């Protein structure tokens, strides 16, 4: 019998200096690549001014960006699992540098073809897009499996294609109706999916109304037993280790796309709540509690394709063979196949990306249409950054925890409220022909609230996929490090947009914050992986 590790952190191997240097190098490489792409932003403006592109050409360019940039996060996330984070970080930095070279070449040629410009701009935008979404994709892949990360990227693609379709179908890419059409298309798509997902969440959390279900209570003994029984059905090695754990009161640690720890003694410290959030369906738990699961002796001793091809979270969300078909409704069957995970990531990802697109670019576009200089609203921009950096993550983390247990109409109402608050200042600036500078400043200040909408969707997504504890850690790291960005930008430049170097430095710190938020997760994954790799049967577990 192989001795089981204890639940304390002392049982895990220490991180070596070389591994810390590798993590630090990855952060510097990614942050440096962001810094390189932000400085030559004037080159992109030069290309835009040098070539007179009509609405159709702009629509084509946006389509290319959507196709090339949407699936990058899931590709990088899956590659990071197979080839290591360091390799993927370096590859991303090299690709970013190559896209910069191509962009400069296309801008330097006196009369380049439109195809060369389109390819250069598309590659540039794709790499930028991939790097921006890399931290979220890494978190999703590491804690929720490759399938959820792929669904997140698909939602990004769907959202951007909706925007591109509105650009193409509605005449005038910079006209009021073009912007309004894009807004309406995105709201309809995201709102419809959100309503269906919210209803699904409610049905999934209350599978049997008016019937007490102890197996659905995460704090009950029955719930722990059903989780253990579910894990026992994965393969023989897991079943044997769970038996040893129960006999010796040890702690079982599994390493893979999801790091799982199951034990009554160490559930609070090592993350039984995380296992509950990522892998278990309530309908499965109820059926498993009522029906006995196949024991390890009944399982075939040969290779299990389910365990080999799917991460642990996906294995847990697979249909239960022991559940009686008569008790399985169509909706429950779809939920058991992982539809809930897909829809949760779909609505959160599409809403997050859509709101980020509009809240980030709409103020500048409206200011340009009205002939106002964005620098005149520098104070309100500081208000926006401050609200987004300090207030929104903590507040929205609390809201998302409350909404996850609330009725669907509350979730939909809050989401639509974010939409209204987000786009009301933009619509007012578009429709008011004579706006004073103070009015524009006030409207941009109101948009400080709108910057909480993307954060709300991101925190909600992290809460539903990775659990409240991890979501709180991530949002807290964003709050503290983004506050540093605001302070440094204020001290260095006085105005965050007064110099491209100051603006690039602020974005550099933001990128470091985004990558650094995942460092504790990477450190823990390295320690667990090293511990599992030291066992003779690690190939059967990982």
Protein backbone atom coordinates (compact mmCIF):
# COMPACT_ATOMS: atom_id res chain seq x y z
CA UNK A 1 0.00 0.00 0.00
CA UNK A 2 1.39 3.37 -1.01
CA UNK A 3 1.19 5.85 1.84
CA UNK A 4 -1.23 8.68 1.26
CA UNK A 5 -0.06 12.30 1.65
CA UNK A 6 -1.42 14.31 4.50
CA UNK A 7 -3.69 17.29 4.05
CA UNK A 8 -1.10 19.83 5.08
CA UNK A 9 0.94 21.83 2.63
CA UNK A 10 4.14 20.29 4.03
CA UNK A 11 3.36 17.08 2.16
CA UNK A 12 3.71 18.84 -1.20
CA UNK A 13 7.18 19.28 -2.72
CA UNK A 14 8.63 22.75 -2.49
CA UNK A 15 8.89 24.91 -5.57
CA UNK A 16 12.44 25.14 -6.85
CA UNK A 17 14.20 28.37 -7.75
CA UNK A 18 14.24 27.32 -11.39
CA UNK A 19 10.46 26.97 -11.44
CA UNK A 20 10.01 30.40 -9.88
CA UNK A 21 12.37 31.89 -12.47
CA UNK A 22 10.38 30.19 -15.22
CA UNK A 23 7.13 31.71 -13.97
CA UNK A 24 8.75 35.13 -13.66
CA UNK A 25 10.17 34.90 -17.16
CA UNK A 26 6.77 33.98 -18.57
CA UNK A 27 5.20 37.03 -16.94
CA UNK A 28 7.91 39.35 -18.26
CA UNK A 29 7.68 37.92 -21.76
CA UNK A 30 3.91 38.33 -21.96
CA UNK A 31 3.96 41.78 -20.36
CA UNK A 32 6.78 42.84 -22.68
CA UNK A 33 4.86 41.69 -25.73
CA UNK A 34 1.90 43.79 -24.62
CA UNK A 35 4.24 46.74 -24.19
CA UNK A 36 5.59 46.27 -27.72
CA UNK A 37 2.17 46.14 -29.31
CA UNK A 38 0.85 49.23 -27.51
CA UNK A 39 3.71 51.56 -28.43
CA UNK A 40 3.30 51.38 -32.23
CA UNK A 41 -0.43 52.04 -32.05
CA UNK A 42 0.27 55.15 -34.10
CA UNK A 43 1.27 52.85 -36.97
CA UNK A 44 -2.24 51.42 -37.08
CA UNK A 45 -3.67 54.93 -37.09
CA UNK A 46 -1.32 55.82 -39.93
CA UNK A 47 -2.55 52.85 -41.96
CA UNK A 48 -6.16 53.79 -41.29
CA UNK A 49 -5.55 57.36 -42.45
CA UNK A 50 -3.32 56.35 -45.36
CA UNK A 51 -5.94 54.11 -46.94
CA UNK A 52 -9.48 55.29 -47.48
CA UNK A 53 -11.47 52.22 -46.52
CA UNK A 54 -15.20 52.12 -47.07
CA UNK A 55 -17.79 50.43 -44.87
CA UNK A 56 -17.61 47.11 -46.70
CA UNK A 57 -13.83 46.95 -46.29
CA UNK A 58 -14.14 47.77 -42.61
CA UNK A 59 -16.74 45.04 -42.24
CA UNK A 60 -14.42 42.59 -44.00
CA UNK A 61 -11.56 43.55 -41.71
CA UNK A 62 -13.73 43.06 -38.61
CA UNK A 63 -14.81 39.66 -39.92
CA UNK A 64 -11.20 38.61 -40.38
CA UNK A 65 -10.42 39.77 -36.85
CA UNK A 66 -13.37 37.82 -35.48
CA UNK A 67 -12.43 34.61 -37.25
CA UNK A 68 -8.72 34.80 -36.47
CA UNK A 69 -8.97 36.04 -32.90
CA UNK A 70 -11.91 34.19 -31.44
CA UNK A 71 -10.51 30.68 -31.15
CA UNK A 72 -7.07 31.74 -29.97
CA UNK A 73 -7.76 31.53 -26.22
CA UNK A 74 -9.00 27.95 -26.28
CA UNK A 75 -6.14 26.88 -28.55
CA UNK A 76 -3.58 28.40 -26.20
CA UNK A 77 -5.36 27.00 -23.17
CA UNK A 78 -5.34 23.47 -24.54
CA UNK A 79 -1.73 23.85 -25.69
CA UNK A 80 -0.71 24.99 -22.22
CA UNK A 81 -2.04 21.74 -20.77
CA UNK A 82 -0.12 19.59 -23.26
CA UNK A 83 3.09 21.51 -23.86
CA UNK A 84 3.46 23.63 -20.74
CA UNK A 85 2.77 27.25 -19.97
CA UNK A 86 6.33 28.39 -20.62
CA UNK A 87 6.30 27.12 -24.20
CA UNK A 88 2.96 28.73 -24.94
CA UNK A 89 4.02 32.04 -23.41
CA UNK A 90 7.16 32.13 -25.54
CA UNK A 91 5.25 31.19 -28.66
CA UNK A 92 2.73 33.96 -28.04
CA UNK A 93 5.48 36.53 -27.62
CA UNK A 94 7.19 35.43 -30.84
CA UNK A 95 3.90 35.56 -32.75
CA UNK A 96 3.23 39.03 -31.38
CA UNK A 97 6.67 40.23 -32.51
CA UNK A 98 6.17 38.77 -35.99
CA UNK A 99 2.80 40.46 -36.33
CA UNK A 100 4.42 43.76 -35.38
CA UNK A 101 7.05 43.34 -38.07
CA UNK A 102 4.40 42.56 -40.66
CA UNK A 103 2.38 45.58 -39.59
CA UNK A 104 5.38 47.87 -39.92
CA UNK A 105 6.22 46.43 -43.34
CA UNK A 106 2.69 46.98 -44.60
CA UNK A 107 2.77 50.57 -43.32
CA UNK A 108 6.19 51.36 -44.82
CA UNK A 109 5.46 50.22 -48.37
CA UNK A 110 4.35 53.25 -50.45
CA UNK A 111 1.39 51.54 -52.08
CA UNK A 112 0.85 48.07 -50.65
CA UNK A 113 -2.00 45.95 -51.77
CA UNK A 114 -5.12 45.85 -49.67
CA UNK A 115 -4.67 42.13 -49.15
CA UNK A 116 -1.27 42.64 -47.50
CA UNK A 117 -2.71 45.31 -45.26
CA UNK A 118 -5.64 43.10 -44.34
CA UNK A 119 -3.43 40.14 -43.50
CA UNK A 120 -1.07 42.28 -41.44
CA UNK A 121 -3.87 43.96 -39.55
CA UNK A 122 -5.65 40.66 -39.07
CA UNK A 123 -2.59 38.93 -37.65
CA UNK A 124 -1.87 41.89 -35.44
CA UNK A 125 -5.40 42.01 -34.10
CA UNK A 126 -5.55 38.24 -33.66
CA UNK A 127 -2.37 38.09 -31.59
CA UNK A 128 -3.46 41.04 -29.48
CA UNK A 129 -6.85 39.43 -28.95
CA UNK A 130 -5.32 36.11 -28.00
CA UNK A 131 -2.97 37.67 -25.47
CA UNK A 132 -5.74 39.74 -23.91
CA UNK A 133 -7.86 36.62 -23.33
CA UNK A 134 -5.02 34.33 -22.34
CA UNK A 135 -5.31 34.70 -18.57
CA UNK A 136 -9.04 33.90 -18.60
CA UNK A 137 -8.53 30.94 -20.92
CA UNK A 138 -5.71 29.61 -18.75
CA UNK A 139 -7.88 29.77 -15.65
CA UNK A 140 -10.79 28.11 -17.42
CA UNK A 141 -8.64 25.34 -18.88
CA UNK A 142 -6.81 24.66 -15.63
CA UNK A 143 -9.90 24.50 -13.44
CA UNK A 144 -12.79 23.62 -15.72
CA UNK A 145 -11.24 21.55 -18.50
CA UNK A 146 -10.61 22.09 -22.18
CA UNK A 147 -14.26 21.70 -23.15
CA UNK A 148 -15.35 24.73 -21.13
CA UNK A 149 -12.47 26.80 -22.48
CA UNK A 150 -13.46 25.87 -26.02
CA UNK A 151 -17.05 26.85 -25.30
CA UNK A 152 -15.84 30.20 -23.99
CA UNK A 153 -13.95 30.86 -27.22
CA UNK A 154 -16.95 29.80 -29.29
CA UNK A 155 -19.06 32.34 -27.42
CA UNK A 156 -16.51 35.03 -28.26
CA UNK A 157 -16.72 34.05 -31.90
CA UNK A 158 -20.53 34.13 -31.95
CA UNK A 159 -20.62 37.52 -30.28
CA UNK A 160 -18.18 39.10 -32.69
CA UNK A 161 -19.79 37.60 -35.74
CA UNK A 162 -23.06 39.20 -34.60
CA UNK A 163 -21.30 42.54 -34.47
CA UNK A 164 -19.75 41.98 -37.90
CA UNK A 165 -23.14 41.05 -39.34
CA UNK A 166 -24.65 44.28 -38.06
CA UNK A 167 -21.76 46.23 -39.57
CA UNK A 168 -22.40 44.60 -42.94
CA UNK A 169 -26.20 44.64 -43.01
CA UNK A 170 -26.74 48.14 -41.62
CA UNK A 171 -25.27 50.85 -43.91
CA UNK A 172 -22.63 53.15 -42.45
CA UNK A 173 -20.05 51.62 -40.16
CA UNK A 174 -19.58 54.88 -38.24
CA UNK A 175 -23.15 56.14 -38.52
CA UNK A 176 -25.55 56.30 -35.63
CA UNK A 177 -27.76 53.54 -36.99
CA UNK A 178 -24.74 51.28 -37.49
CA UNK A 179 -23.71 51.58 -33.86
CA UNK A 180 -27.29 51.25 -32.67
CA UNK A 181 -27.82 48.16 -34.82
CA UNK A 182 -24.71 46.53 -33.42
CA UNK A 183 -25.95 47.28 -29.93
CA UNK A 184 -29.40 45.81 -30.57
CA UNK A 185 -28.06 42.64 -32.19
CA UNK A 186 -25.71 42.00 -29.29
CA UNK A 187 -28.37 42.68 -26.67
CA UNK A 188 -30.88 40.33 -28.33
CA UNK A 189 -28.37 37.49 -28.70
CA UNK A 190 -26.85 37.81 -25.23
CA UNK A 191 -30.18 38.46 -23.52
CA UNK A 192 -31.86 35.45 -25.11
CA UNK A 193 -29.07 33.09 -24.19
CA UNK A 194 -28.90 34.60 -20.71
CA UNK A 195 -32.60 34.00 -20.08
CA UNK A 196 -32.37 30.38 -21.18
CA UNK A 197 -29.23 29.83 -19.12
CA UNK A 198 -30.75 31.45 -16.05
CA UNK A 199 -33.76 29.14 -16.32
CA UNK A 200 -31.43 26.19 -16.68
CA UNK A 201 -29.52 27.22 -13.57
CA UNK A 202 -32.75 27.38 -11.58
CA UNK A 203 -33.94 23.97 -12.74
CA UNK A 204 -30.55 22.46 -12.10
CA UNK A 205 -30.37 23.76 -8.55
CA UNK A 206 -33.90 22.62 -7.65
CA UNK A 207 -34.30 19.17 -9.24
CA UNK A 208 -36.99 18.00 -6.80
CA UNK A 209 -39.08 20.80 -5.25
CA UNK A 210 -40.87 20.09 -1.96
CA UNK A 211 -38.57 17.09 -1.42
CA UNK A 212 -35.62 17.42 0.96
CA UNK A 213 -32.50 16.15 -0.73
CA UNK A 214 -29.62 15.68 1.65
CA UNK A 215 -27.41 14.55 -1.20
CA UNK A 216 -27.70 18.04 -2.73
CA UNK A 217 -26.45 19.79 0.42
CA UNK A 218 -22.68 20.39 0.07
CA UNK A 219 -22.30 20.45 3.86
CA UNK A 220 -24.02 17.12 4.51
CA UNK A 221 -22.45 13.73 5.00
CA UNK A 222 -24.64 12.25 2.25
CA UNK A 223 -23.29 14.71 -0.27
CA UNK A 224 -19.72 13.70 0.53
CA UNK A 225 -20.61 10.05 0.12
CA UNK A 226 -22.21 10.62 -3.29
CA UNK A 227 -19.12 12.51 -4.49
CA UNK A 228 -16.91 9.67 -3.33
CA UNK A 229 -19.13 7.11 -5.05
CA UNK A 230 -19.03 9.12 -8.26
CA UNK A 231 -15.25 9.26 -8.20
CA UNK A 232 -15.08 5.54 -7.49
CA UNK A 233 -16.75 4.93 -10.83
CA UNK A 234 -14.00 6.65 -12.86
CA UNK A 235 -11.30 3.98 -12.85
CA UNK A 236 -9.71 1.31 -10.68
CA UNK A 237 -6.80 3.41 -9.42
CA UNK A 238 -9.07 6.18 -8.18
CA UNK A 239 -11.35 3.63 -6.52
CA UNK A 240 -8.44 1.94 -4.75
CA UNK A 241 -7.10 5.24 -3.48
CA UNK A 242 -10.50 6.32 -2.23
CA UNK A 243 -10.80 3.04 -0.35
CA UNK A 244 -7.39 3.62 1.20
CA UNK A 245 -8.39 7.15 2.09
CA UNK A 246 -11.52 6.00 3.91
CA UNK A 247 -9.63 3.29 5.74
CA UNK A 248 -6.67 5.43 6.75
CA UNK A 249 -8.31 8.86 7.01
CA UNK A 250 -5.85 10.16 4.46
CA UNK A 251 -6.18 12.73 1.73
CA UNK A 252 -6.43 12.00 -1.98
CA UNK A 253 -4.98 14.53 -4.41
CA UNK A 254 -5.48 14.18 -8.16
CA UNK A 255 -3.65 16.34 -10.69
CA UNK A 256 -4.87 17.14 -14.17
CA UNK A 257 -6.97 19.81 -15.88
CA UNK A 258 -8.77 20.01 -12.55
CA UNK A 259 -6.95 19.49 -9.25
CA UNK A 260 -9.30 17.60 -6.97
CA UNK A 261 -9.02 16.82 -3.29
CA UNK A 262 -11.69 14.71 -1.58
CA UNK A 263 -11.68 14.13 2.15
CA UNK A 264 -13.89 15.06 5.06
CA UNK A 265 -10.88 16.02 7.12
CA UNK A 266 -9.37 18.48 4.62
CA UNK A 267 -12.35 19.58 2.53
CA UNK A 268 -12.32 23.12 3.91
CA UNK A 269 -8.59 23.63 3.40
CA UNK A 270 -8.03 21.83 0.11
CA UNK A 271 -11.16 22.62 -1.83
CA UNK A 272 -14.12 20.24 -1.73
CA UNK A 273 -16.21 23.30 -2.64
CA UNK A 274 -14.12 23.63 -5.78
CA UNK A 275 -14.90 20.04 -6.73
CA UNK A 276 -18.61 20.71 -6.17
CA UNK A 277 -18.60 23.79 -8.37
CA UNK A 278 -16.63 22.32 -11.25
CA UNK A 279 -17.81 18.78 -11.73
CA UNK A 280 -20.99 17.64 -10.00
CA UNK A 281 -24.57 17.85 -11.17
CA UNK A 282 -27.29 17.82 -8.52
CA UNK A 283 -29.38 15.44 -10.59
CA UNK A 284 -26.45 13.04 -10.74
CA UNK A 285 -25.88 13.28 -7.01
CA UNK A 286 -29.52 12.46 -6.26
CA UNK A 287 -29.60 9.50 -8.62
CA UNK A 288 -26.27 8.22 -7.38
CA UNK A 289 -27.47 8.42 -3.83
CA UNK A 290 -30.56 6.40 -4.62
CA UNK A 291 -28.95 3.89 -6.97
CA UNK A 292 -25.79 1.95 -6.11
CA UNK A 293 -22.82 2.64 -8.36
CA UNK A 294 -20.73 -0.05 -9.96
CA UNK A 295 -17.83 -1.07 -7.80
CA UNK A 296 -14.24 -1.19 -8.89
CA UNK A 297 -14.45 -4.97 -9.36
CA UNK A 298 -17.27 -4.54 -11.89
CA UNK A 299 -15.30 -2.04 -13.95
CA UNK A 300 -13.07 -3.37 -16.74
CA UNK A 301 -9.40 -3.41 -15.90
CA UNK A 302 -8.39 -2.31 -19.39
CA UNK A 303 -7.86 1.29 -20.42
CA UNK A 304 -10.83 3.53 -19.87
CA UNK A 305 -11.30 5.83 -22.90
CA UNK A 306 -13.48 8.21 -20.91
CA UNK A 307 -10.76 8.78 -18.36
CA UNK A 308 -8.07 9.10 -21.03
CA UNK A 309 -9.85 11.51 -23.36
CA UNK A 310 -11.69 13.75 -20.92
CA UNK A 311 -10.46 15.82 -17.97
CA UNK A 312 -11.69 14.97 -14.51
CA UNK A 313 -14.36 17.69 -14.59
CA UNK A 314 -15.71 16.41 -17.89
CA UNK A 315 -15.70 12.85 -16.55
CA UNK A 316 -17.74 13.94 -13.56
CA UNK A 317 -20.23 15.71 -15.81
CA UNK A 318 -20.68 12.67 -18.07
CA UNK A 319 -24.04 10.85 -17.96
CA UNK A 320 -24.50 8.50 -15.06
CA UNK A 321 -24.92 4.88 -16.10
CA UNK A 322 -26.65 3.99 -12.86
CA UNK A 323 -29.44 6.55 -13.12
CA UNK A 324 -32.77 5.02 -14.19
CA UNK A 325 -34.00 6.28 -17.54
CA UNK A 326 -37.56 6.71 -16.26
CA UNK A 327 -36.41 9.45 -13.87
CA UNK A 328 -34.42 11.33 -16.50
CA UNK A 329 -36.27 14.12 -18.28
CA UNK A 330 -34.98 15.57 -21.52
CA UNK A 331 -33.63 18.62 -19.73
CA UNK A 332 -31.92 16.50 -17.08
CA UNK A 333 -30.35 14.36 -19.79
CA UNK A 334 -28.99 17.45 -21.54
CA UNK A 335 -27.64 18.75 -18.26
CA UNK A 336 -25.92 15.46 -17.55
CA UNK A 337 -24.14 15.65 -20.90
CA UNK A 338 -22.56 18.97 -19.92
CA UNK A 339 -24.99 21.42 -21.54
CA UNK A 340 -25.13 23.47 -18.36
CA UNK A 341 -21.37 24.06 -18.44
CA UNK A 342 -21.51 25.05 -22.10
CA UNK A 343 -24.39 27.49 -21.60
CA UNK A 344 -22.87 29.07 -18.52
CA UNK A 345 -19.63 29.84 -20.31
CA UNK A 346 -21.51 30.84 -23.46
CA UNK A 347 -23.62 33.52 -21.84
CA UNK A 348 -20.90 34.83 -19.55
CA UNK A 349 -18.28 34.88 -22.29
CA UNK A 350 -20.47 36.47 -24.95
CA UNK A 351 -21.83 39.10 -22.58
CA UNK A 352 -18.37 39.89 -21.23
CA UNK A 353 -16.80 40.28 -24.67
CA UNK A 354 -19.72 42.26 -26.08
CA UNK A 355 -19.80 44.69 -23.19
CA UNK A 356 -16.03 45.08 -23.25
CA UNK A 357 -16.18 45.90 -26.95
CA UNK A 358 -18.78 48.62 -26.50
CA UNK A 359 -17.67 50.11 -23.20
CA UNK A 360 -14.08 50.38 -24.39
CA UNK A 361 -14.60 51.78 -27.88
CA UNK A 362 -17.94 53.60 -27.77
CA UNK A 363 -16.80 56.69 -25.78
CA UNK A 364 -13.93 57.36 -28.17
CA UNK A 365 -16.10 56.83 -31.24
CA UNK A 366 -18.84 59.12 -29.94
CA UNK A 367 -16.32 61.79 -28.94
CA UNK A 368 -14.84 61.69 -32.44
CA UNK A 369 -18.26 61.93 -34.05
CA UNK A 370 -19.14 64.97 -31.95
CA UNK A 371 -15.74 66.58 -32.48
CA UNK A 372 -14.63 66.50 -28.86
CA UNK A 373 -11.17 65.71 -27.60
CA UNK A 374 -11.05 62.74 -25.26
CA UNK A 375 -8.33 64.37 -23.15
CA UNK A 376 -10.81 66.99 -21.96
CA UNK A 377 -12.56 64.29 -19.95
CA UNK A 378 -9.42 63.00 -18.26
CA UNK A 379 -10.86 63.40 -14.75
CA UNK A 380 -13.89 61.31 -15.59
CA UNK A 381 -11.61 58.68 -17.11
CA UNK A 382 -9.84 58.45 -13.75
CA UNK A 383 -13.22 57.91 -12.12
CA UNK A 384 -13.88 55.10 -14.58
CA UNK A 385 -10.57 53.40 -13.89
CA UNK A 386 -10.96 53.80 -10.14
CA UNK A 387 -14.47 52.33 -10.07
CA UNK A 388 -13.40 49.41 -12.24
CA UNK A 389 -10.22 48.77 -10.27
CA UNK A 390 -11.39 48.99 -6.68
CA UNK A 391 -15.16 48.89 -6.26
CA UNK A 392 -16.55 46.63 -8.94
CA UNK A 393 -14.74 43.29 -8.31
CA UNK A 394 -15.68 43.08 -4.63
CA UNK A 395 -19.27 44.24 -5.13
CA UNK A 396 -19.88 42.09 -8.19
CA UNK A 397 -18.41 39.03 -6.55
CA UNK A 398 -21.02 39.40 -3.81
CA UNK A 399 -23.80 40.02 -6.35
CA UNK A 400 -22.84 36.98 -8.41
CA UNK A 401 -22.92 34.76 -5.34
CA UNK A 402 -26.41 35.99 -4.50
CA UNK A 403 -27.70 35.69 -8.06
CA UNK A 404 -26.40 32.16 -8.46
CA UNK A 405 -29.04 31.04 -5.94
CA UNK A 406 -31.78 33.44 -7.01
CA UNK A 407 -34.66 33.14 -9.47
CA UNK A 408 -33.97 33.56 -13.20
CA UNK A 409 -35.79 36.87 -13.53
CA UNK A 410 -33.44 38.50 -11.04
CA UNK A 411 -30.40 37.37 -12.99
CA UNK A 412 -31.93 38.65 -16.22
CA UNK A 413 -33.00 41.94 -14.63
CA UNK A 414 -29.56 42.67 -13.24
CA UNK A 415 -27.91 41.81 -16.55
CA UNK A 416 -30.28 44.02 -18.52
CA UNK A 417 -29.72 46.75 -15.95
CA UNK A 418 -26.03 46.58 -16.72
CA UNK A 419 -26.86 46.91 -20.40
CA UNK A 420 -29.01 50.00 -19.83
CA UNK A 421 -26.47 51.74 -17.62
CA UNK A 422 -23.71 50.84 -20.04
CA UNK A 423 -25.21 52.24 -23.20
CA UNK A 424 -27.38 55.10 -21.92
CA UNK A 425 -24.53 57.66 -21.98
CA UNK A 426 -23.51 56.55 -25.46
CA UNK A 427 -27.03 56.83 -26.81
CA UNK A 428 -27.40 60.28 -25.21
CA UNK A 429 -24.18 61.53 -26.79
CA UNK A 430 -25.20 60.20 -30.19
CA UNK A 431 -28.65 61.76 -30.18
CA UNK A 432 -27.76 65.13 -28.62
CA UNK A 433 -26.37 67.28 -31.40
CA UNK A 434 -25.26 70.12 -29.13
CA UNK A 435 -23.44 68.73 -26.13
CA UNK A 436 -21.28 70.97 -23.99
CA UNK A 437 -17.95 69.72 -22.76
CA UNK A 438 -19.33 69.45 -19.25
CA UNK A 439 -22.18 67.26 -20.52
CA UNK A 440 -19.74 64.95 -22.29
CA UNK A 441 -17.64 64.77 -19.14
CA UNK A 442 -20.70 63.89 -17.06
CA UNK A 443 -21.82 61.21 -19.49
CA UNK A 444 -18.36 59.68 -19.59
CA UNK A 445 -18.26 59.74 -15.80
CA UNK A 446 -21.53 57.81 -15.74
CA UNK A 447 -19.84 55.21 -17.87
CA UNK A 448 -17.69 54.39 -14.88
CA UNK A 449 -20.55 52.16 -13.81
CA UNK A 450 -20.58 50.55 -17.23
CA UNK A 451 -17.07 49.30 -16.72
CA UNK A 452 -18.42 47.08 -13.98
CA UNK A 453 -20.52 45.14 -16.50
CA UNK A 454 -17.63 43.19 -18.08
CA UNK A 455 -16.23 42.56 -14.61
CA UNK A 456 -19.63 41.32 -13.48
CA UNK A 457 -19.83 38.78 -16.27
CA UNK A 458 -16.24 37.65 -15.72
CA UNK A 459 -16.72 37.24 -11.97
CA UNK A 460 -20.01 35.42 -12.52
CA UNK A 461 -18.31 33.07 -14.96
CA UNK A 462 -15.46 32.41 -12.54
CA UNK A 463 -17.88 31.88 -9.66
CA UNK A 464 -19.99 29.33 -11.54
CA UNK A 465 -17.04 27.43 -13.02
CA UNK A 466 -14.38 27.62 -10.31
CA UNK A 467 -16.25 28.32 -7.10
CA UNK A 468 -16.66 31.45 -4.97
CA UNK A 469 -13.32 31.14 -3.19
CA UNK A 470 -11.26 31.18 -6.36
CA UNK A 471 -13.41 33.93 -7.89
CA UNK A 472 -12.85 36.09 -4.83
CA UNK A 473 -9.09 35.55 -4.96
CA UNK A 474 -8.96 36.48 -8.63
CA UNK A 475 -11.16 39.56 -8.28
CA UNK A 476 -9.17 40.73 -5.25
CA UNK A 477 -5.90 40.46 -7.16
CA UNK A 478 -7.39 42.46 -10.00
CA UNK A 479 -8.59 45.12 -7.55
CA UNK A 480 -5.26 45.63 -5.83
CA UNK A 481 -3.08 45.51 -8.93
CA UNK A 482 -5.37 47.70 -11.02
CA UNK A 483 -5.29 50.26 -8.24
CA UNK A 484 -1.51 50.30 -8.64
CA UNK A 485 -2.05 51.00 -12.34
CA UNK A 486 -4.17 54.06 -11.55
CA UNK A 487 -1.70 55.41 -8.99
CA UNK A 488 1.34 54.89 -11.22
CA UNK A 489 -0.41 56.47 -14.19
CA UNK A 490 -1.36 59.49 -12.08
CA UNK A 491 2.13 59.99 -10.67
CA UNK A 492 4.02 59.51 -13.93
CA UNK A 493 1.91 61.36 -16.42
CA UNK A 494 -0.68 63.46 -14.64
CA UNK A 495 -3.04 62.28 -17.36
CA UNK A 496 -3.22 58.70 -18.40
CA UNK A 497 -3.57 59.65 -22.07
CA UNK A 498 -1.11 62.56 -22.11
CA UNK A 499 1.70 60.41 -23.48
CA UNK A 500 1.71 57.11 -25.36
CA UNK A 501 4.55 55.92 -23.13
CA UNK A 502 2.58 56.59 -19.94
CA UNK A 503 -0.49 54.93 -21.41
CA UNK A 504 1.60 51.93 -22.49
CA UNK A 505 3.15 51.71 -19.04
CA UNK A 506 -0.30 51.66 -17.45
CA UNK A 507 -1.43 48.91 -19.81
CA UNK A 508 1.79 47.04 -19.09
CA UNK A 509 0.99 47.00 -15.38
CA UNK A 510 -2.55 45.89 -16.14
CA UNK A 511 -1.23 42.99 -18.17
CA UNK A 512 1.16 42.03 -15.40
CA UNK A 513 -1.79 42.08 -13.01
CA UNK A 514 -3.82 39.81 -15.27
CA UNK A 515 -1.02 37.27 -15.60
CA UNK A 516 0.04 37.52 -11.97
CA UNK A 517 -3.47 36.66 -10.83
CA UNK A 518 -2.96 33.17 -12.24
CA UNK A 519 0.48 32.64 -10.67
CA UNK A 520 -0.81 31.09 -7.40
CA UNK A 521 -2.85 28.66 -9.45
CA UNK A 522 0.17 27.73 -11.55
CA UNK A 523 2.33 27.27 -8.47
CA UNK A 524 -0.18 24.91 -6.89
CA UNK A 525 -0.55 22.99 -10.13
CA UNK A 526 3.23 22.54 -10.38
CA UNK A 527 3.40 21.23 -6.83
CA UNK A 528 0.56 18.77 -7.30
CA UNK A 529 1.91 17.63 -10.66
CA UNK A 530 5.34 17.03 -9.20
CA UNK A 531 3.84 15.07 -6.31
CA UNK A 532 1.77 12.85 -8.60
CA UNK A 533 4.68 12.33 -10.99
CA UNK A 534 6.76 10.89 -8.15
CA UNK A 535 4.32 7.99 -7.74
CA UNK A 536 4.77 4.79 -9.75
CA UNK A 537 1.14 4.78 -10.94
CA UNK A 538 0.91 8.46 -11.87
CA UNK A 539 0.11 7.66 -15.50
CA UNK A 540 -3.15 6.06 -14.44
CA UNK A 541 -4.13 8.98 -12.25
CA UNK A 542 -3.18 12.04 -14.31
